[in-house]
Amino acid sequence: MAEEEVKLGSSKPMIATQQELVENRVPLPYRDQCAHLLIPLNKCRSAEFFLPWKCESERHTYEKCEYELVMERMLQMQKIRKEEGGAAPGQRRRHPAYSLPRQRLILFFPLLLRDGNQES
């Protein structure tokens, strides 16, 4: 089998230019591959006084685009974990303190003693 190379970033192209984003006052955290959908959504929201039942189609397309970006990043992370041999996403890792013997655990967490006696 040929090994697949994990590419970082999104496969979606950036459609809106930086100039358009600045002109439409899109905040920096929202300037991603879905920003071209946020511009008409924000214009619709302003025109409709932010009524929640207005601009549903624009909001749906924007949220779907964001969802696809998140899912793509999750798949990339799964591939990276698989290549590194790490834990699967569903498996929880135990805190390192819980793998210590009881004596050392008591040193770190003295309130874990049930009988109320503190050991020195």
C-alpha atoms as a PDB file:
ATOM      1  CA  MET A   1       0.000   0.000   0.000  1.00  0.00           C
ATOM      2  CA  ALA A   2       1.163   3.477  -0.762  1.00  0.00           C
ATOM      3  CA  GLU A   3       1.273   5.783   2.225  1.00  0.00           C
ATOM      4  CA  GLU A   4      -0.948   8.825   2.066  1.00  0.00           C
ATOM      5  CA  GLU A   5       0.641  12.094   3.022  1.00  0.00           C
ATOM      6  CA  VAL A   6      -1.363  14.093   5.535  1.00  0.00           C
ATOM      7  CA  LYS A   7      -1.738  17.638   4.299  1.00  0.00           C
ATOM      8  CA  LEU A   8      -2.347  20.343   6.849  1.00  0.00           C
ATOM      9  CA  GLY A   9      -4.857  23.077   6.154  1.00  0.00           C
ATOM     10  CA  SER A  10      -8.078  22.913   4.238  1.00  0.00           C
ATOM     11  CA  SER A  11      -8.669  21.626   0.741  1.00  0.00           C
ATOM     12  CA  LYS A  12     -11.218  24.409   0.191  1.00  0.00           C
ATOM     13  CA  PRO A  13      -9.851  27.491  -1.553  1.00  0.00           C
ATOM     14  CA  MET A  14     -10.086  30.945  -0.031  1.00  0.00           C
ATOM     15  CA  ILE A  15     -12.679  32.720  -2.185  1.00  0.00           C
ATOM     16  CA  ALA A  16     -12.989  36.127  -0.515  1.00  0.00           C
ATOM     17  CA  THR A  17      -9.985  38.412  -0.828  1.00  0.00           C
ATOM     18  CA  GLN A  18      -8.434  40.193   2.133  1.00  0.00           C
ATOM     19  CA  GLN A  19      -9.629  43.505   0.697  1.00  0.00           C
ATOM     20  CA  GLU A  20     -13.242  42.274   0.637  1.00  0.00           C
ATOM     21  CA  LEU A  21     -12.944  41.019   4.189  1.00  0.00           C
ATOM     22  CA  VAL A  22     -11.579  44.366   5.381  1.00  0.00           C
ATOM     23  CA  GLU A  23     -14.262  46.332   3.518  1.00  0.00           C
ATOM     24  CA  ASN A  24     -17.032  44.197   5.027  1.00  0.00           C
ATOM     25  CA  ARG A  25     -15.464  44.315   8.500  1.00  0.00           C
ATOM     26  CA  VAL A  26     -15.223  40.572   8.956  1.00  0.00           C
ATOM     27  CA  PRO A  27     -13.482  39.914  12.315  1.00  0.00           C
ATOM     28  CA  LEU A  28     -10.110  38.163  12.119  1.00  0.00           C
ATOM     29  CA  PRO A  29     -11.237  34.897  13.788  1.00  0.00           C
ATOM     30  CA  TYR A  30     -13.921  34.468  11.103  1.00  0.00           C
ATOM     31  CA  ARG A  31     -11.615  34.931   8.109  1.00  0.00           C
ATOM     32  CA  ASP A  32     -11.473  31.334   6.984  1.00  0.00           C
ATOM     33  CA  GLN A  33     -12.523  29.438   3.859  1.00  0.00           C
ATOM     34  CA  CYS A  34     -16.199  30.165   4.646  1.00  0.00           C
ATOM     35  CA  ALA A  35     -15.804  33.938   4.969  1.00  0.00           C
ATOM     36  CA  HIS A  36     -17.249  34.487   1.497  1.00  0.00           C
ATOM     37  CA  LEU A  37     -20.547  33.135   2.874  1.00  0.00           C
ATOM     38  CA  LEU A  38     -20.378  35.252   6.009  1.00  0.00           C
ATOM     39  CA  ILE A  39     -20.377  38.540   4.078  1.00  0.00           C
ATOM     40  CA  PRO A  40     -23.886  38.157   2.587  1.00  0.00           C
ATOM     41  CA  LEU A  41     -25.122  36.640   5.858  1.00  0.00           C
ATOM     42  CA  ASN A  42     -24.008  39.678   7.849  1.00  0.00           C
ATOM     43  CA  LYS A  43     -25.531  42.029   5.260  1.00  0.00           C
ATOM     44  CA  CYS A  44     -28.821  40.134   5.488  1.00  0.00           C
ATOM     45  CA  ARG A  45     -28.704  40.211   9.272  1.00  0.00           C
ATOM     46  CA  SER A  46     -28.195  43.985   9.264  1.00  0.00           C
ATOM     47  CA  ALA A  47     -31.010  44.537   6.775  1.00  0.00           C
ATOM     48  CA  GLU A  48     -33.417  42.323   8.726  1.00  0.00           C
ATOM     49  CA  PHE A  49     -32.498  43.721  12.183  1.00  0.00           C
ATOM     50  CA  PHE A  50     -31.042  40.367  13.306  1.00  0.00           C
ATOM     51  CA  LEU A  51     -34.427  38.650  13.438  1.00  0.00           C
ATOM     52  CA  PRO A  52     -33.718  34.941  14.050  1.00  0.00           C
ATOM     53  CA  TRP A  53     -36.261  33.653  11.509  1.00  0.00           C
ATOM     54  CA  LYS A  54     -34.799  35.770   8.705  1.00  0.00           C
ATOM     55  CA  CYS A  55     -31.710  34.882   6.629  1.00  0.00           C
ATOM     56  CA  GLU A  56     -32.140  31.156   7.303  1.00  0.00           C
ATOM     57  CA  SER A  57     -30.812  29.998   3.929  1.00  0.00           C
ATOM     58  CA  GLU A  58     -27.680  32.165   4.219  1.00  0.00           C
ATOM     59  CA  ARG A  59     -27.082  30.998   7.777  1.00  0.00           C
ATOM     60  CA  HIS A  60     -27.583  27.363   6.805  1.00  0.00           C
ATOM     61  CA  THR A  61     -25.044  27.531   3.963  1.00  0.00           C
ATOM     62  CA  TYR A  62     -22.512  29.285   6.204  1.00  0.00           C
ATOM     63  CA  GLU A  63     -22.950  26.806   9.076  1.00  0.00           C
ATOM     64  CA  LYS A  64     -22.724  23.855   6.683  1.00  0.00           C
ATOM     65  CA  CYS A  65     -19.454  25.198   5.307  1.00  0.00           C
ATOM     66  CA  GLU A  66     -18.071  25.624   8.836  1.00  0.00           C
ATOM     67  CA  TYR A  67     -19.213  22.102   9.747  1.00  0.00           C
ATOM     68  CA  GLU A  68     -17.417  20.665   6.717  1.00  0.00           C
ATOM     69  CA  LEU A  69     -14.214  22.479   7.723  1.00  0.00           C
ATOM     70  CA  VAL A  70     -14.421  21.058  11.248  1.00  0.00           C
ATOM     71  CA  MET A  71     -15.037  17.539   9.946  1.00  0.00           C
ATOM     72  CA  GLU A  72     -12.096  17.862   7.562  1.00  0.00           C
ATOM     73  CA  ARG A  73      -9.813  18.937  10.432  1.00  0.00           C
ATOM     74  CA  MET A  74     -11.033  16.008  12.543  1.00  0.00           C
ATOM     75  CA  LEU A  75     -10.236  13.550   9.751  1.00  0.00           C
ATOM     76  CA  GLN A  76      -6.779  15.072   9.355  1.00  0.00           C
ATOM     77  CA  MET A  77      -6.167  14.696  13.090  1.00  0.00           C
ATOM     78  CA  GLN A  78      -7.302  11.072  12.998  1.00  0.00           C
ATOM     79  CA  LYS A  79      -4.843  10.380  10.173  1.00  0.00           C
ATOM     80  CA  ILE A  80      -2.033  12.049  12.104  1.00  0.00           C
ATOM     81  CA  ARG A  81      -2.828  10.032  15.242  1.00  0.00           C
ATOM     82  CA  LYS A  82      -2.986   6.843  13.201  1.00  0.00           C
ATOM     83  CA  GLU A  83       0.416   7.539  11.634  1.00  0.00           C
ATOM     84  CA  GLU A  84       1.959   8.322  15.021  1.00  0.00           C
ATOM     85  CA  GLY A  85       0.373   5.264  16.600  1.00  0.00           C
ATOM     86  CA  GLY A  86      -1.436   7.315  19.241  1.00  0.00           C
ATOM     87  CA  ALA A  87      -4.681   6.548  20.971  1.00  0.00           C
ATOM     88  CA  ALA A  88      -7.889   6.447  19.015  1.00  0.00           C
ATOM     89  CA  PRO A  89     -10.115   9.499  19.438  1.00  0.00           C
ATOM     90  CA  GLY A  90     -12.709   7.544  21.420  1.00  0.00           C
ATOM     91  CA  GLN A  91     -10.213   6.263  23.973  1.00  0.00           C
ATOM     92  CA  ARG A  92      -9.524   8.335  27.058  1.00  0.00           C
ATOM     93  CA  ARG A  93      -6.046   8.611  28.430  1.00  0.00           C
ATOM     94  CA  ARG A  94      -5.576   8.213  32.150  1.00  0.00           C
ATOM     95  CA  HIS A  95      -4.014  11.004  34.129  1.00  0.00           C
ATOM     96  CA  PRO A  96      -0.381  10.129  34.963  1.00  0.00           C
ATOM     97  CA  ALA A  97      -1.038  10.513  38.703  1.00  0.00           C
ATOM     98  CA  TYR A  98      -3.470   7.590  38.665  1.00  0.00           C
ATOM     99  CA  SER A  99      -0.777   5.222  37.460  1.00  0.00           C
ATOM    100  CA  LEU A 100       1.388   5.964  40.527  1.00  0.00           C
ATOM    101  CA  PRO A 101       1.515   3.642  43.535  1.00  0.00           C
ATOM    102  CA  ARG A 102      -0.851   4.538  46.406  1.00  0.00           C
ATOM    103  CA  GLN A 103       1.932   5.997  48.572  1.00  0.00           C
ATOM    104  CA  ARG A 104       2.952   8.504  45.932  1.00  0.00           C
ATOM    105  CA  LEU A 105      -0.643   9.220  45.065  1.00  0.00           C
ATOM    106  CA  ILE A 106      -1.241  10.198  48.700  1.00  0.00           C
ATOM    107  CA  LEU A 107       1.722  12.579  48.553  1.00  0.00           C
ATOM    108  CA  PHE A 108       0.168  14.379  45.617  1.00  0.00           C
ATOM    109  CA  PHE A 109      -3.436  14.163  46.790  1.00  0.00           C
ATOM    110  CA  PRO A 110      -3.544  13.892  50.622  1.00  0.00           C
ATOM    111  CA  LEU A 111      -7.323  14.360  50.708  1.00  0.00           C
ATOM    112  CA  LEU A 112      -7.752  10.929  49.174  1.00  0.00           C
ATOM    113  CA  LEU A 113      -7.175   9.290  52.561  1.00  0.00           C
ATOM    114  CA  ARG A 114     -10.518   7.950  53.716  1.00  0.00           C
ATOM    115  CA  ASP A 115      -9.704   7.346  57.372  1.00  0.00           C
ATOM    116  CA  GLY A 116      -8.680  10.963  57.968  1.00  0.00           C
ATOM    117  CA  ASN A 117      -5.170  10.036  59.165  1.00  0.00           C
ATOM    118  CA  GLN A 118      -2.425  11.810  57.345  1.00  0.00           C
ATOM    119  CA  GLU A 119       0.699   9.854  56.650  1.00  0.00           C
ATOM    120  CA  SER A 120       4.032  11.592  56.723  1.00  0.00           C
END
